[in-house]
Amino acid sequence: MDATYSVVSTKLCLIRHGETAWNAAGRLQGQIDVPLSPVGAAQARATAGALVGTTFAAIYASDLLRARQTAEAAARVLALPLHFMAGLRERHYGVFQSLTYAEARSRYPAEYARFEAREADFDFLGGESLTDFAARVVACVATIAARHAGEQVLVVTHGGVLDVLHRQASGKPLSTPRDFAIPNAALNWMSMHDGVWSLLSWADTRHLTETLDELPG
């Protein structure tokens, strides 16, 4: 992870927050504030430990509690201040928020079918469409990258955000089923060079004893 990049490149280490009780239950959190579970807190500490010796110019995190708590563990180890950005929040799942995936499918079968189909304009009856969500995420991370050209930054965020960013870097459409992992507290690396996004490594869980990827495809 110490390769040399040109001064117009930014290298990003992207982390999904540690596990919550709602993750374990298959419950959609969206933008509801849910704390880390004891498992998630241990994952956050393990991830922070895995980053010891890695140099970052800054740490950015979603301002939702589970991401804040995960980022705080890294900030303590790395002795860096945290910058919270609402643009790094999870997607707003509208009427699905607080429901399990099974409950959402049962209560809103037609809407759940649109969710599973990854329809670009479906907004969960008052939440956030995939198109709007992706635009928000890409703009936020591009801002971070531009702010730190030639540097390396740590970004703590959410599964849906990482889904968008992986597709942005790999060229996979937002509409296709997911074929890559997004585990809690894994290390994911990408770079931006002159506006071009590239994947460097993904879903490194070697520092974890257990982790979930309960997200639908």
C-alpha atoms as a PDB file:
ATOM      1  CA  MET A   1       0.000   0.000   0.000  1.00  0.00           C
ATOM      2  CA  ASP A   2       3.003   2.316  -0.318  1.00  0.00           C
ATOM      3  CA  ALA A   3       3.280   2.585  -4.102  1.00  0.00           C
ATOM      4  CA  THR A   4       4.207   5.991  -5.470  1.00  0.00           C
ATOM      5  CA  TYR A   5       1.516   7.977  -7.262  1.00  0.00           C
ATOM      6  CA  SER A   6       1.739  11.231  -9.166  1.00  0.00           C
ATOM      7  CA  VAL A   7       0.939  14.472  -7.395  1.00  0.00           C
ATOM      8  CA  VAL A   8      -2.516  14.569  -8.979  1.00  0.00           C
ATOM      9  CA  SER A   9      -3.525  11.188  -7.524  1.00  0.00           C
ATOM     10  CA  THR A  10      -5.333  10.527  -4.278  1.00  0.00           C
ATOM     11  CA  LYS A  11      -5.285   7.138  -2.598  1.00  0.00           C
ATOM     12  CA  LEU A  12      -8.299   6.243  -0.452  1.00  0.00           C
ATOM     13  CA  CYS A  13      -8.741   3.542   2.154  1.00  0.00           C
ATOM     14  CA  LEU A  14     -12.495   2.967   2.423  1.00  0.00           C
ATOM     15  CA  ILE A  15     -14.043   1.167   5.389  1.00  0.00           C
ATOM     16  CA  ARG A  16     -17.600   0.062   6.019  1.00  0.00           C
ATOM     17  CA  HIS A  17     -18.530   0.673   9.667  1.00  0.00           C
ATOM     18  CA  GLY A  18     -18.361  -2.171  12.170  1.00  0.00           C
ATOM     19  CA  GLU A  19     -21.277  -4.506  12.764  1.00  0.00           C
ATOM     20  CA  THR A  20     -24.458  -3.371  14.519  1.00  0.00           C
ATOM     21  CA  ALA A  21     -27.245  -5.430  16.056  1.00  0.00           C
ATOM     22  CA  TRP A  22     -29.413  -4.353  13.115  1.00  0.00           C
ATOM     23  CA  ASN A  23     -26.861  -5.736  10.642  1.00  0.00           C
ATOM     24  CA  ALA A  24     -26.961  -9.059  12.452  1.00  0.00           C
ATOM     25  CA  ALA A  25     -30.774  -9.052  12.332  1.00  0.00           C
ATOM     26  CA  GLY A  26     -30.926  -8.138   8.620  1.00  0.00           C
ATOM     27  CA  ARG A  27     -32.646  -4.843   9.452  1.00  0.00           C
ATOM     28  CA  LEU A  28     -32.397  -1.820   7.150  1.00  0.00           C
ATOM     29  CA  GLN A  29     -30.732   1.049   8.981  1.00  0.00           C
ATOM     30  CA  GLY A  30     -30.489   3.640   6.249  1.00  0.00           C
ATOM     31  CA  GLN A  31     -30.054   6.994   7.946  1.00  0.00           C
ATOM     32  CA  ILE A  32     -31.345   5.874  11.355  1.00  0.00           C
ATOM     33  CA  ASP A  33     -28.654   6.222  14.023  1.00  0.00           C
ATOM     34  CA  VAL A  34     -27.746   2.770  15.342  1.00  0.00           C
ATOM     35  CA  PRO A  35     -24.640   2.174  17.518  1.00  0.00           C
ATOM     36  CA  LEU A  36     -22.024  -0.505  17.023  1.00  0.00           C
ATOM     37  CA  SER A  37     -22.667  -3.808  18.753  1.00  0.00           C
ATOM     38  CA  PRO A  38     -19.917  -5.326  20.945  1.00  0.00           C
ATOM     39  CA  VAL A  39     -18.849  -7.314  17.865  1.00  0.00           C
ATOM     40  CA  GLY A  40     -18.744  -4.108  15.821  1.00  0.00           C
ATOM     41  CA  ALA A  41     -16.742  -2.257  18.453  1.00  0.00           C
ATOM     42  CA  ALA A  42     -14.190  -5.086  18.456  1.00  0.00           C
ATOM     43  CA  GLN A  43     -14.058  -4.931  14.651  1.00  0.00           C
ATOM     44  CA  ALA A  44     -13.449  -1.173  14.805  1.00  0.00           C
ATOM     45  CA  ARG A  45     -10.523  -1.695  17.183  1.00  0.00           C
ATOM     46  CA  ALA A  46      -9.108  -4.474  14.995  1.00  0.00           C
ATOM     47  CA  THR A  47      -9.362  -2.308  11.894  1.00  0.00           C
ATOM     48  CA  ALA A  48      -7.674   0.585  13.685  1.00  0.00           C
ATOM     49  CA  GLY A  49      -4.881  -1.771  14.732  1.00  0.00           C
ATOM     50  CA  ALA A  50      -4.441  -2.960  11.159  1.00  0.00           C
ATOM     51  CA  LEU A  51      -3.804   0.638  10.084  1.00  0.00           C
ATOM     52  CA  VAL A  52      -0.974   1.273  12.558  1.00  0.00           C
ATOM     53  CA  GLY A  53       2.054   2.432  10.592  1.00  0.00           C
ATOM     54  CA  THR A  54      -0.021   3.604   7.624  1.00  0.00           C
ATOM     55  CA  THR A  55       0.210   7.336   6.923  1.00  0.00           C
ATOM     56  CA  PHE A  56      -2.960   9.285   6.212  1.00  0.00           C
ATOM     57  CA  ALA A  57      -3.368  12.992   5.596  1.00  0.00           C
ATOM     58  CA  ALA A  58      -6.877  12.992   7.058  1.00  0.00           C
ATOM     59  CA  ILE A  59      -9.815  10.872   8.210  1.00  0.00           C
ATOM     60  CA  TYR A  60     -13.316  11.471   6.861  1.00  0.00           C
ATOM     61  CA  ALA A  61     -16.461   9.740   8.072  1.00  0.00           C
ATOM     62  CA  SER A  62     -20.204   9.691   7.721  1.00  0.00           C
ATOM     63  CA  ASP A  63     -21.826  11.577  10.579  1.00  0.00           C
ATOM     64  CA  LEU A  64     -24.095   8.611  11.424  1.00  0.00           C
ATOM     65  CA  LEU A  65     -23.262   7.030  14.789  1.00  0.00           C
ATOM     66  CA  ARG A  66     -22.048   3.614  13.604  1.00  0.00           C
ATOM     67  CA  ALA A  67     -19.577   5.209  11.195  1.00  0.00           C
ATOM     68  CA  ARG A  68     -18.502   7.824  13.745  1.00  0.00           C
ATOM     69  CA  GLN A  69     -17.735   5.162  16.333  1.00  0.00           C
ATOM     70  CA  THR A  70     -15.727   3.119  13.831  1.00  0.00           C
ATOM     71  CA  ALA A  71     -13.786   6.185  12.704  1.00  0.00           C
ATOM     72  CA  GLU A  72     -13.111   7.293  16.282  1.00  0.00           C
ATOM     73  CA  ALA A  73     -11.257   4.027  16.952  1.00  0.00           C
ATOM     74  CA  ALA A  74      -8.953   4.750  14.006  1.00  0.00           C
ATOM     75  CA  ALA A  75      -8.536   8.408  14.943  1.00  0.00           C
ATOM     76  CA  ARG A  76      -7.311   7.449  18.404  1.00  0.00           C
ATOM     77  CA  VAL A  77      -4.679   5.085  16.992  1.00  0.00           C
ATOM     78  CA  LEU A  78      -3.586   7.367  14.155  1.00  0.00           C
ATOM     79  CA  ALA A  79      -3.755  10.576  16.221  1.00  0.00           C
ATOM     80  CA  LEU A  80      -5.657  12.416  13.500  1.00  0.00           C
ATOM     81  CA  PRO A  81      -8.736  14.650  13.718  1.00  0.00           C
ATOM     82  CA  LEU A  82     -12.021  13.489  12.223  1.00  0.00           C
ATOM     83  CA  HIS A  83     -13.956  15.313   9.527  1.00  0.00           C
ATOM     84  CA  PHE A  84     -17.631  14.340   9.350  1.00  0.00           C
ATOM     85  CA  MET A  85     -19.522  14.663   6.063  1.00  0.00           C
ATOM     86  CA  ALA A  86     -23.239  14.101   5.549  1.00  0.00           C
ATOM     87  CA  GLY A  87     -22.458  13.215   1.939  1.00  0.00           C
ATOM     88  CA  LEU A  88     -20.960   9.939   3.192  1.00  0.00           C
ATOM     89  CA  ARG A  89     -24.220   8.824   4.838  1.00  0.00           C
ATOM     90  CA  GLU A  90     -25.978   5.617   3.886  1.00  0.00           C
ATOM     91  CA  ARG A  91     -28.837   5.796   1.403  1.00  0.00           C
ATOM     92  CA  HIS A  92     -32.195   6.891   2.835  1.00  0.00           C
ATOM     93  CA  TYR A  93     -34.460   3.859   2.552  1.00  0.00           C
ATOM     94  CA  GLY A  94     -37.736   5.685   3.154  1.00  0.00           C
ATOM     95  CA  VAL A  95     -40.531   3.424   4.407  1.00  0.00           C
ATOM     96  CA  PHE A  96     -38.144   0.440   4.460  1.00  0.00           C
ATOM     97  CA  GLN A  97     -36.030   1.952   7.244  1.00  0.00           C
ATOM     98  CA  SER A  98     -36.194  -0.054  10.523  1.00  0.00           C
ATOM     99  CA  LEU A  99     -37.724  -3.086   8.753  1.00  0.00           C
ATOM    100  CA  THR A 100     -35.946  -6.366   8.130  1.00  0.00           C
ATOM    101  CA  TYR A 101     -35.556  -7.318   4.498  1.00  0.00           C
ATOM    102  CA  ALA A 102     -38.213  -9.998   5.009  1.00  0.00           C
ATOM    103  CA  GLU A 103     -40.626  -7.471   6.549  1.00  0.00           C
ATOM    104  CA  ALA A 104     -40.059  -5.004   3.724  1.00  0.00           C
ATOM    105  CA  ARG A 105     -40.728  -7.702   1.147  1.00  0.00           C
ATOM    106  CA  SER A 106     -43.926  -8.776   2.947  1.00  0.00           C
ATOM    107  CA  ARG A 107     -45.357  -5.289   3.580  1.00  0.00           C
ATOM    108  CA  TYR A 108     -44.339  -3.671   0.292  1.00  0.00           C
ATOM    109  CA  PRO A 109     -44.037  -6.491  -2.273  1.00  0.00           C
ATOM    110  CA  ALA A 110     -44.300  -4.289  -5.366  1.00  0.00           C
ATOM    111  CA  GLU A 111     -41.847  -1.748  -4.002  1.00  0.00           C
ATOM    112  CA  TYR A 112     -39.463  -4.476  -2.850  1.00  0.00           C
ATOM    113  CA  ALA A 113     -39.431  -5.908  -6.363  1.00  0.00           C
ATOM    114  CA  ARG A 114     -38.351  -2.489  -7.652  1.00  0.00           C
ATOM    115  CA  PHE A 115     -35.630  -2.362  -4.978  1.00  0.00           C
ATOM    116  CA  GLU A 116     -34.364  -5.827  -5.952  1.00  0.00           C
ATOM    117  CA  ALA A 117     -34.384  -4.791  -9.603  1.00  0.00           C
ATOM    118  CA  ARG A 118     -32.219  -1.787  -8.675  1.00  0.00           C
ATOM    119  CA  GLU A 119     -34.520   0.632 -10.490  1.00  0.00           C
ATOM    120  CA  ALA A 120     -32.708   3.947 -10.805  1.00  0.00           C
ATOM    121  CA  ASP A 121     -35.655   6.191  -9.898  1.00  0.00           C
ATOM    122  CA  PHE A 122     -37.200   4.121  -7.067  1.00  0.00           C
ATOM    123  CA  ASP A 123     -37.102   6.174  -3.838  1.00  0.00           C
ATOM    124  CA  PHE A 124     -38.764   3.913  -1.232  1.00  0.00           C
ATOM    125  CA  LEU A 125     -41.869   6.149  -1.099  1.00  0.00           C
ATOM    126  CA  GLY A 126     -40.065   9.209   0.177  1.00  0.00           C
ATOM    127  CA  GLY A 127     -36.466   8.075   0.538  1.00  0.00           C
ATOM    128  CA  GLU A 128     -33.562   8.436  -1.886  1.00  0.00           C
ATOM    129  CA  SER A 129     -33.432   7.124  -5.438  1.00  0.00           C
ATOM    130  CA  LEU A 130     -30.400   5.148  -6.572  1.00  0.00           C
ATOM    131  CA  THR A 131     -29.587   7.874  -9.091  1.00  0.00           C
ATOM    132  CA  ASP A 132     -29.638  10.639  -6.475  1.00  0.00           C
ATOM    133  CA  PHE A 133     -27.768   8.530  -3.929  1.00  0.00           C
ATOM    134  CA  ALA A 134     -24.977   7.652  -6.352  1.00  0.00           C
ATOM    135  CA  ALA A 135     -24.604  11.269  -7.459  1.00  0.00           C
ATOM    136  CA  ARG A 136     -24.310  12.392  -3.826  1.00  0.00           C
ATOM    137  CA  VAL A 137     -21.705   9.755  -2.974  1.00  0.00           C
ATOM    138  CA  VAL A 138     -19.532  10.279  -6.037  1.00  0.00           C
ATOM    139  CA  ALA A 139     -19.582  14.072  -5.623  1.00  0.00           C
ATOM    140  CA  CYS A 140     -18.648  13.822  -1.937  1.00  0.00           C
ATOM    141  CA  VAL A 141     -15.724  11.444  -2.445  1.00  0.00           C
ATOM    142  CA  ALA A 142     -14.514  13.401  -5.485  1.00  0.00           C
ATOM    143  CA  THR A 143     -14.437  16.495  -3.257  1.00  0.00           C
ATOM    144  CA  ILE A 144     -12.335  14.638  -0.679  1.00  0.00           C
ATOM    145  CA  ALA A 145      -9.970  13.377  -3.381  1.00  0.00           C
ATOM    146  CA  ALA A 146      -9.536  16.838  -4.877  1.00  0.00           C
ATOM    147  CA  ARG A 147      -8.852  18.268  -1.438  1.00  0.00           C
ATOM    148  CA  HIS A 148      -6.036  15.745  -0.914  1.00  0.00           C
ATOM    149  CA  ALA A 149      -4.333  15.421  -4.306  1.00  0.00           C
ATOM    150  CA  GLY A 150      -1.079  13.516  -3.924  1.00  0.00           C
ATOM    151  CA  GLU A 151      -2.061  12.271  -0.453  1.00  0.00           C
ATOM    152  CA  GLN A 152      -3.642   9.244   1.203  1.00  0.00           C
ATOM    153  CA  VAL A 153      -6.899   9.505   3.150  1.00  0.00           C
ATOM    154  CA  LEU A 154      -9.077   7.224   5.273  1.00  0.00           C
ATOM    155  CA  VAL A 155     -12.839   7.235   4.681  1.00  0.00           C
ATOM    156  CA  VAL A 156     -15.308   5.460   7.006  1.00  0.00           C
ATOM    157  CA  THR A 157     -18.760   5.024   5.564  1.00  0.00           C
ATOM    158  CA  HIS A 158     -21.528   2.501   4.765  1.00  0.00           C
ATOM    159  CA  GLY A 159     -22.240  -0.543   2.636  1.00  0.00           C
ATOM    160  CA  GLY A 160     -24.415   1.252   0.112  1.00  0.00           C
ATOM    161  CA  VAL A 161     -21.769   3.933  -0.345  1.00  0.00           C
ATOM    162  CA  LEU A 162     -19.106   1.302  -1.001  1.00  0.00           C
ATOM    163  CA  ASP A 163     -21.398  -0.390  -3.507  1.00  0.00           C
ATOM    164  CA  VAL A 164     -21.593   2.856  -5.487  1.00  0.00           C
ATOM    165  CA  LEU A 165     -17.855   3.535  -5.278  1.00  0.00           C
ATOM    166  CA  HIS A 166     -16.863   0.028  -6.373  1.00  0.00           C
ATOM    167  CA  ARG A 167     -19.109   0.384  -9.418  1.00  0.00           C
ATOM    168  CA  GLN A 168     -17.737   3.859 -10.125  1.00  0.00           C
ATOM    169  CA  ALA A 169     -14.189   2.491 -10.179  1.00  0.00           C
ATOM    170  CA  SER A 170     -14.908  -0.827 -11.916  1.00  0.00           C
ATOM    171  CA  GLY A 171     -17.328   0.515 -14.520  1.00  0.00           C
ATOM    172  CA  LYS A 172     -20.123  -1.825 -13.434  1.00  0.00           C
ATOM    173  CA  PRO A 173     -23.616  -0.353 -13.923  1.00  0.00           C
ATOM    174  CA  LEU A 174     -25.687   0.556 -10.884  1.00  0.00           C
ATOM    175  CA  SER A 175     -28.487  -1.618 -12.279  1.00  0.00           C
ATOM    176  CA  THR A 176     -26.648  -4.960 -12.252  1.00  0.00           C
ATOM    177  CA  PRO A 177     -26.660  -7.438  -9.341  1.00  0.00           C
ATOM    178  CA  ARG A 178     -23.719  -7.082  -6.971  1.00  0.00           C
ATOM    179  CA  ASP A 179     -20.933  -9.627  -7.504  1.00  0.00           C
ATOM    180  CA  PHE A 180     -18.417  -8.301  -4.961  1.00  0.00           C
ATOM    181  CA  ALA A 181     -18.270  -8.434  -1.161  1.00  0.00           C
ATOM    182  CA  ILE A 182     -18.858  -5.522   1.240  1.00  0.00           C
ATOM    183  CA  PRO A 183     -17.971  -6.892   4.694  1.00  0.00           C
ATOM    184  CA  ASN A 184     -18.215  -4.840   7.869  1.00  0.00           C
ATOM    185  CA  ALA A 185     -14.876  -3.246   8.826  1.00  0.00           C
ATOM    186  CA  ALA A 186     -12.917  -4.596   5.840  1.00  0.00           C
ATOM    187  CA  LEU A 187     -10.201  -2.535   4.145  1.00  0.00           C
ATOM    188  CA  ASN A 188     -10.926  -1.370   0.585  1.00  0.00           C
ATOM    189  CA  TRP A 189      -8.421   0.656  -1.420  1.00  0.00           C
ATOM    190  CA  MET A 190      -8.907   2.771  -4.527  1.00  0.00           C
ATOM    191  CA  SER A 191      -7.273   5.740  -6.190  1.00  0.00           C
ATOM    192  CA  MET A 192      -8.363   8.733  -8.217  1.00  0.00           C
ATOM    193  CA  HIS A 193      -5.939   9.983 -10.852  1.00  0.00           C
ATOM    194  CA  ASP A 194      -6.934  12.932 -13.060  1.00  0.00           C
ATOM    195  CA  GLY A 195     -10.597  12.101 -12.485  1.00  0.00           C
ATOM    196  CA  VAL A 196     -10.180   8.384 -13.223  1.00  0.00           C
ATOM    197  CA  TRP A 197     -11.203   5.998 -10.431  1.00  0.00           C
ATOM    198  CA  SER A 198      -9.307   2.707 -10.002  1.00  0.00           C
ATOM    199  CA  LEU A 199      -9.674  -0.251  -7.652  1.00  0.00           C
ATOM    200  CA  LEU A 200      -6.447  -1.267  -5.917  1.00  0.00           C
ATOM    201  CA  SER A 201      -7.682  -3.966  -3.515  1.00  0.00           C
ATOM    202  CA  TRP A 202     -11.035  -4.865  -2.042  1.00  0.00           C
ATOM    203  CA  ALA A 203     -12.625  -6.556   0.993  1.00  0.00           C
ATOM    204  CA  ASP A 204      -9.424  -7.294   2.928  1.00  0.00           C
ATOM    205  CA  THR A 205     -10.630  -9.008   6.123  1.00  0.00           C
ATOM    206  CA  ARG A 206      -7.353 -10.575   7.276  1.00  0.00           C
ATOM    207  CA  HIS A 207      -7.417  -8.473  10.475  1.00  0.00           C
ATOM    208  CA  LEU A 208     -10.920  -9.681  11.430  1.00  0.00           C
ATOM    209  CA  THR A 209     -12.019 -12.894  13.130  1.00  0.00           C
ATOM    210  CA  GLU A 210     -15.628 -12.459  11.982  1.00  0.00           C
ATOM    211  CA  THR A 211     -17.535 -10.094   9.705  1.00  0.00           C
ATOM    212  CA  LEU A 212     -20.885  -9.836   7.945  1.00  0.00           C
ATOM    213  CA  ASP A 213     -21.994  -9.008   4.444  1.00  0.00           C
ATOM    214  CA  GLU A 214     -25.767  -9.168   4.843  1.00  0.00           C
ATOM    215  CA  LEU A 215     -26.513  -6.634   2.117  1.00  0.00           C
ATOM    216  CA  PRO A 216     -28.748  -7.728  -0.767  1.00  0.00           C
ATOM    217  CA  GLY A 217     -27.233  -8.025  -4.209  1.00  0.00           C
END
